[in-house]
Amino acid sequence: MTAPQNFPGPPVDLPIDDWLYEAKPKAGCTACSELKAALVLAAKQGDATARFEAARNIRHCTHGAIE
């Protein structure tokens, strides 16, 4: 006996939008350079969470500004 199907078709795997991983590091910012390296490494390892966090941190970087 097979389980009843509750959906009209197989599941769809939607890709995460590229904008989630977009990050423009500021030239000369040490923190941005380190985060960019982490972003590249996470992409090579396939770690989506680390990619998102690195990109987010680049976007929110103060570029060495004193708060």
N, C-alpha and C. Protein backbone atom coordinates (compact mmCIF):
# COMPACT_ATOMS: atom_id res chain seq x y z
N MET A 1 0.85 -1.18 0.00
CA MET A 1 0.00 0.00 0.00
C MET A 1 0.89 1.24 0.00
N THR A 2 0.60 2.16 -0.86
CA THR A 2 1.37 3.40 -0.94
C THR A 2 0.65 4.51 -0.18
N ALA A 3 1.45 5.43 0.32
CA ALA A 3 0.90 6.57 1.05
C ALA A 3 0.17 7.49 0.07
N PRO A 4 -0.91 8.10 0.51
CA PRO A 4 -1.63 9.02 -0.38
C PRO A 4 -0.78 10.25 -0.68
N GLN A 5 -0.91 10.76 -1.88
CA GLN A 5 -0.16 11.94 -2.28
C GLN A 5 -1.00 13.18 -1.98
N ASN A 6 -0.45 14.08 -1.18
CA ASN A 6 -1.19 15.28 -0.79
C ASN A 6 -0.91 16.47 -1.70
N PHE A 7 0.05 16.32 -2.60
CA PHE A 7 0.44 17.43 -3.46
C PHE A 7 0.30 17.01 -4.92
N PRO A 8 0.11 17.97 -5.82
CA PRO A 8 -0.12 17.64 -7.23
C PRO A 8 1.13 17.13 -7.96
N GLY A 9 2.29 17.26 -7.38
CA GLY A 9 3.51 16.82 -8.07
C GLY A 9 4.68 16.71 -7.12
N PRO A 10 5.83 16.42 -7.67
CA PRO A 10 7.02 16.29 -6.83
C PRO A 10 7.45 17.65 -6.27
N PRO A 11 8.23 17.65 -5.18
CA PRO A 11 8.69 18.92 -4.61
C PRO A 11 9.59 19.68 -5.59
N VAL A 12 9.55 20.99 -5.49
CA VAL A 12 10.34 21.84 -6.36
C VAL A 12 11.46 22.46 -5.52
N ASP A 13 12.69 22.34 -5.98
CA ASP A 13 13.83 22.92 -5.29
C ASP A 13 14.13 24.28 -5.92
N LEU A 14 13.77 25.35 -5.20
CA LEU A 14 13.98 26.71 -5.71
C LEU A 14 15.35 27.21 -5.30
N PRO A 15 16.10 27.80 -6.23
CA PRO A 15 17.42 28.33 -5.88
C PRO A 15 17.28 29.60 -5.03
N ILE A 16 18.27 29.81 -4.17
CA ILE A 16 18.29 31.03 -3.38
C ILE A 16 18.73 32.16 -4.30
N ASP A 17 18.07 33.28 -4.20
CA ASP A 17 18.40 34.41 -5.07
C ASP A 17 19.83 34.87 -4.87
N ASP A 18 20.47 35.27 -5.95
CA ASP A 18 21.85 35.72 -5.89
C ASP A 18 22.03 36.97 -5.03
N TRP A 19 21.00 37.81 -4.93
CA TRP A 19 21.14 39.04 -4.15
C TRP A 19 21.45 38.74 -2.69
N LEU A 20 21.08 37.55 -2.21
CA LEU A 20 21.33 37.18 -0.83
C LEU A 20 22.83 37.11 -0.56
N TYR A 21 23.60 36.76 -1.59
CA TYR A 21 25.04 36.60 -1.43
C TYR A 21 25.83 37.76 -2.01
N GLU A 22 25.16 38.79 -2.50
CA GLU A 22 25.87 39.93 -3.05
C GLU A 22 26.54 40.73 -1.95
N ALA A 23 27.77 41.12 -2.20
CA ALA A 23 28.50 41.94 -1.24
C ALA A 23 29.59 42.68 -1.99
N LYS A 24 29.70 43.96 -1.73
CA LYS A 24 30.72 44.78 -2.38
C LYS A 24 31.67 45.31 -1.31
N PRO A 25 32.77 44.56 -1.08
CA PRO A 25 33.72 45.01 -0.06
C PRO A 25 34.40 46.31 -0.47
N LYS A 26 34.67 47.16 0.51
CA LYS A 26 35.34 48.43 0.24
C LYS A 26 36.84 48.18 0.10
N ALA A 27 37.42 48.72 -0.95
CA ALA A 27 38.85 48.58 -1.17
C ALA A 27 39.63 49.18 -0.01
N GLY A 28 40.61 48.44 0.49
CA GLY A 28 41.44 48.93 1.58
C GLY A 28 40.93 48.61 2.97
N CYS A 29 39.73 48.08 3.08
CA CYS A 29 39.15 47.73 4.38
C CYS A 29 39.60 46.31 4.74
N THR A 30 40.35 46.19 5.84
CA THR A 30 40.85 44.89 6.27
C THR A 30 39.72 43.94 6.61
N ALA A 31 38.71 44.43 7.31
CA ALA A 31 37.58 43.58 7.69
C ALA A 31 36.86 43.05 6.45
N CYS A 32 36.64 43.92 5.47
CA CYS A 32 35.98 43.50 4.23
C CYS A 32 36.81 42.44 3.50
N SER A 33 38.13 42.61 3.48
CA SER A 33 39.00 41.65 2.82
C SER A 33 38.91 40.28 3.47
N GLU A 34 38.90 40.25 4.80
CA GLU A 34 38.79 38.99 5.52
C GLU A 34 37.43 38.35 5.30
N LEU A 35 36.38 39.15 5.31
CA LEU A 35 35.04 38.63 5.07
C LEU A 35 34.87 38.12 3.64
N LYS A 36 35.50 38.80 2.69
CA LYS A 36 35.43 38.35 1.30
C LYS A 36 36.10 36.98 1.16
N ALA A 37 37.23 36.79 1.85
CA ALA A 37 37.91 35.50 1.83
C ALA A 37 37.01 34.42 2.43
N ALA A 38 36.32 34.75 3.52
CA ALA A 38 35.39 33.80 4.14
C ALA A 38 34.23 33.49 3.20
N LEU A 39 33.77 34.51 2.47
CA LEU A 39 32.68 34.32 1.51
C LEU A 39 33.09 33.37 0.40
N VAL A 40 34.29 33.55 -0.13
CA VAL A 40 34.80 32.69 -1.20
C VAL A 40 34.98 31.26 -0.69
N LEU A 41 35.54 31.10 0.50
CA LEU A 41 35.75 29.78 1.07
C LEU A 41 34.42 29.06 1.30
N ALA A 42 33.45 29.77 1.84
CA ALA A 42 32.13 29.18 2.09
C ALA A 42 31.48 28.75 0.78
N ALA A 43 31.66 29.54 -0.28
CA ALA A 43 31.10 29.18 -1.58
C ALA A 43 31.74 27.90 -2.10
N LYS A 44 33.06 27.77 -1.93
CA LYS A 44 33.77 26.56 -2.38
C LYS A 44 33.31 25.34 -1.59
N GLN A 45 33.01 25.53 -0.30
CA GLN A 45 32.59 24.43 0.56
C GLN A 45 31.10 24.13 0.45
N GLY A 46 30.36 25.01 -0.20
CA GLY A 46 28.92 24.82 -0.33
C GLY A 46 28.15 25.13 0.95
N ASP A 47 28.71 25.98 1.80
CA ASP A 47 28.09 26.34 3.07
C ASP A 47 27.25 27.60 2.87
N ALA A 48 25.96 27.42 2.64
CA ALA A 48 25.07 28.54 2.34
C ALA A 48 24.95 29.50 3.52
N THR A 49 24.91 28.98 4.73
CA THR A 49 24.78 29.85 5.90
C THR A 49 25.99 30.74 6.08
N ALA A 50 27.18 30.17 5.95
CA ALA A 50 28.41 30.96 6.09
C ALA A 50 28.51 31.99 4.97
N ARG A 51 28.07 31.63 3.77
CA ARG A 51 28.07 32.59 2.65
C ARG A 51 27.17 33.77 2.97
N PHE A 52 25.97 33.49 3.43
CA PHE A 52 25.03 34.55 3.75
C PHE A 52 25.58 35.45 4.85
N GLU A 53 26.12 34.85 5.92
CA GLU A 53 26.64 35.64 7.03
C GLU A 53 27.81 36.52 6.61
N ALA A 54 28.72 35.99 5.79
CA ALA A 54 29.85 36.80 5.33
C ALA A 54 29.37 37.95 4.46
N ALA A 55 28.44 37.68 3.55
CA ALA A 55 27.91 38.73 2.68
C ALA A 55 27.19 39.80 3.49
N ARG A 56 26.41 39.36 4.46
CA ARG A 56 25.69 40.31 5.32
C ARG A 56 26.67 41.18 6.10
N ASN A 57 27.71 40.56 6.64
CA ASN A 57 28.69 41.31 7.41
C ASN A 57 29.46 42.31 6.54
N ILE A 58 29.71 41.97 5.29
CA ILE A 58 30.34 42.91 4.37
C ILE A 58 29.41 44.11 4.13
N ARG A 59 28.14 43.82 3.91
CA ARG A 59 27.17 44.91 3.67
C ARG A 59 27.06 45.82 4.88
N HIS A 60 27.22 45.28 6.09
CA HIS A 60 27.06 46.07 7.31
C HIS A 60 28.38 46.57 7.88
N CYS A 61 29.47 46.34 7.19
CA CYS A 61 30.79 46.75 7.68
C CYS A 61 30.86 48.28 7.79
N THR A 62 31.48 48.74 8.89
CA THR A 62 31.63 50.18 9.09
C THR A 62 32.92 50.68 8.46
N HIS A 63 33.71 49.78 7.88
CA HIS A 63 34.95 50.12 7.19
C HIS A 63 35.92 50.88 8.09
N GLY A 64 35.98 50.45 9.35
CA GLY A 64 36.92 51.05 10.29
C GLY A 64 36.46 52.35 10.91
N ALA A 65 35.23 52.73 10.66
CA ALA A 65 34.71 53.99 11.24
C ALA A 65 34.52 53.83 12.74
N ILE A 66 34.76 54.89 13.48
CA ILE A 66 34.57 54.88 14.93
C ILE A 66 33.11 55.22 15.19
N GLU A 67 32.47 54.37 15.97
CA GLU A 67 31.05 54.60 16.25
C GLU A 67 30.86 55.29 17.57
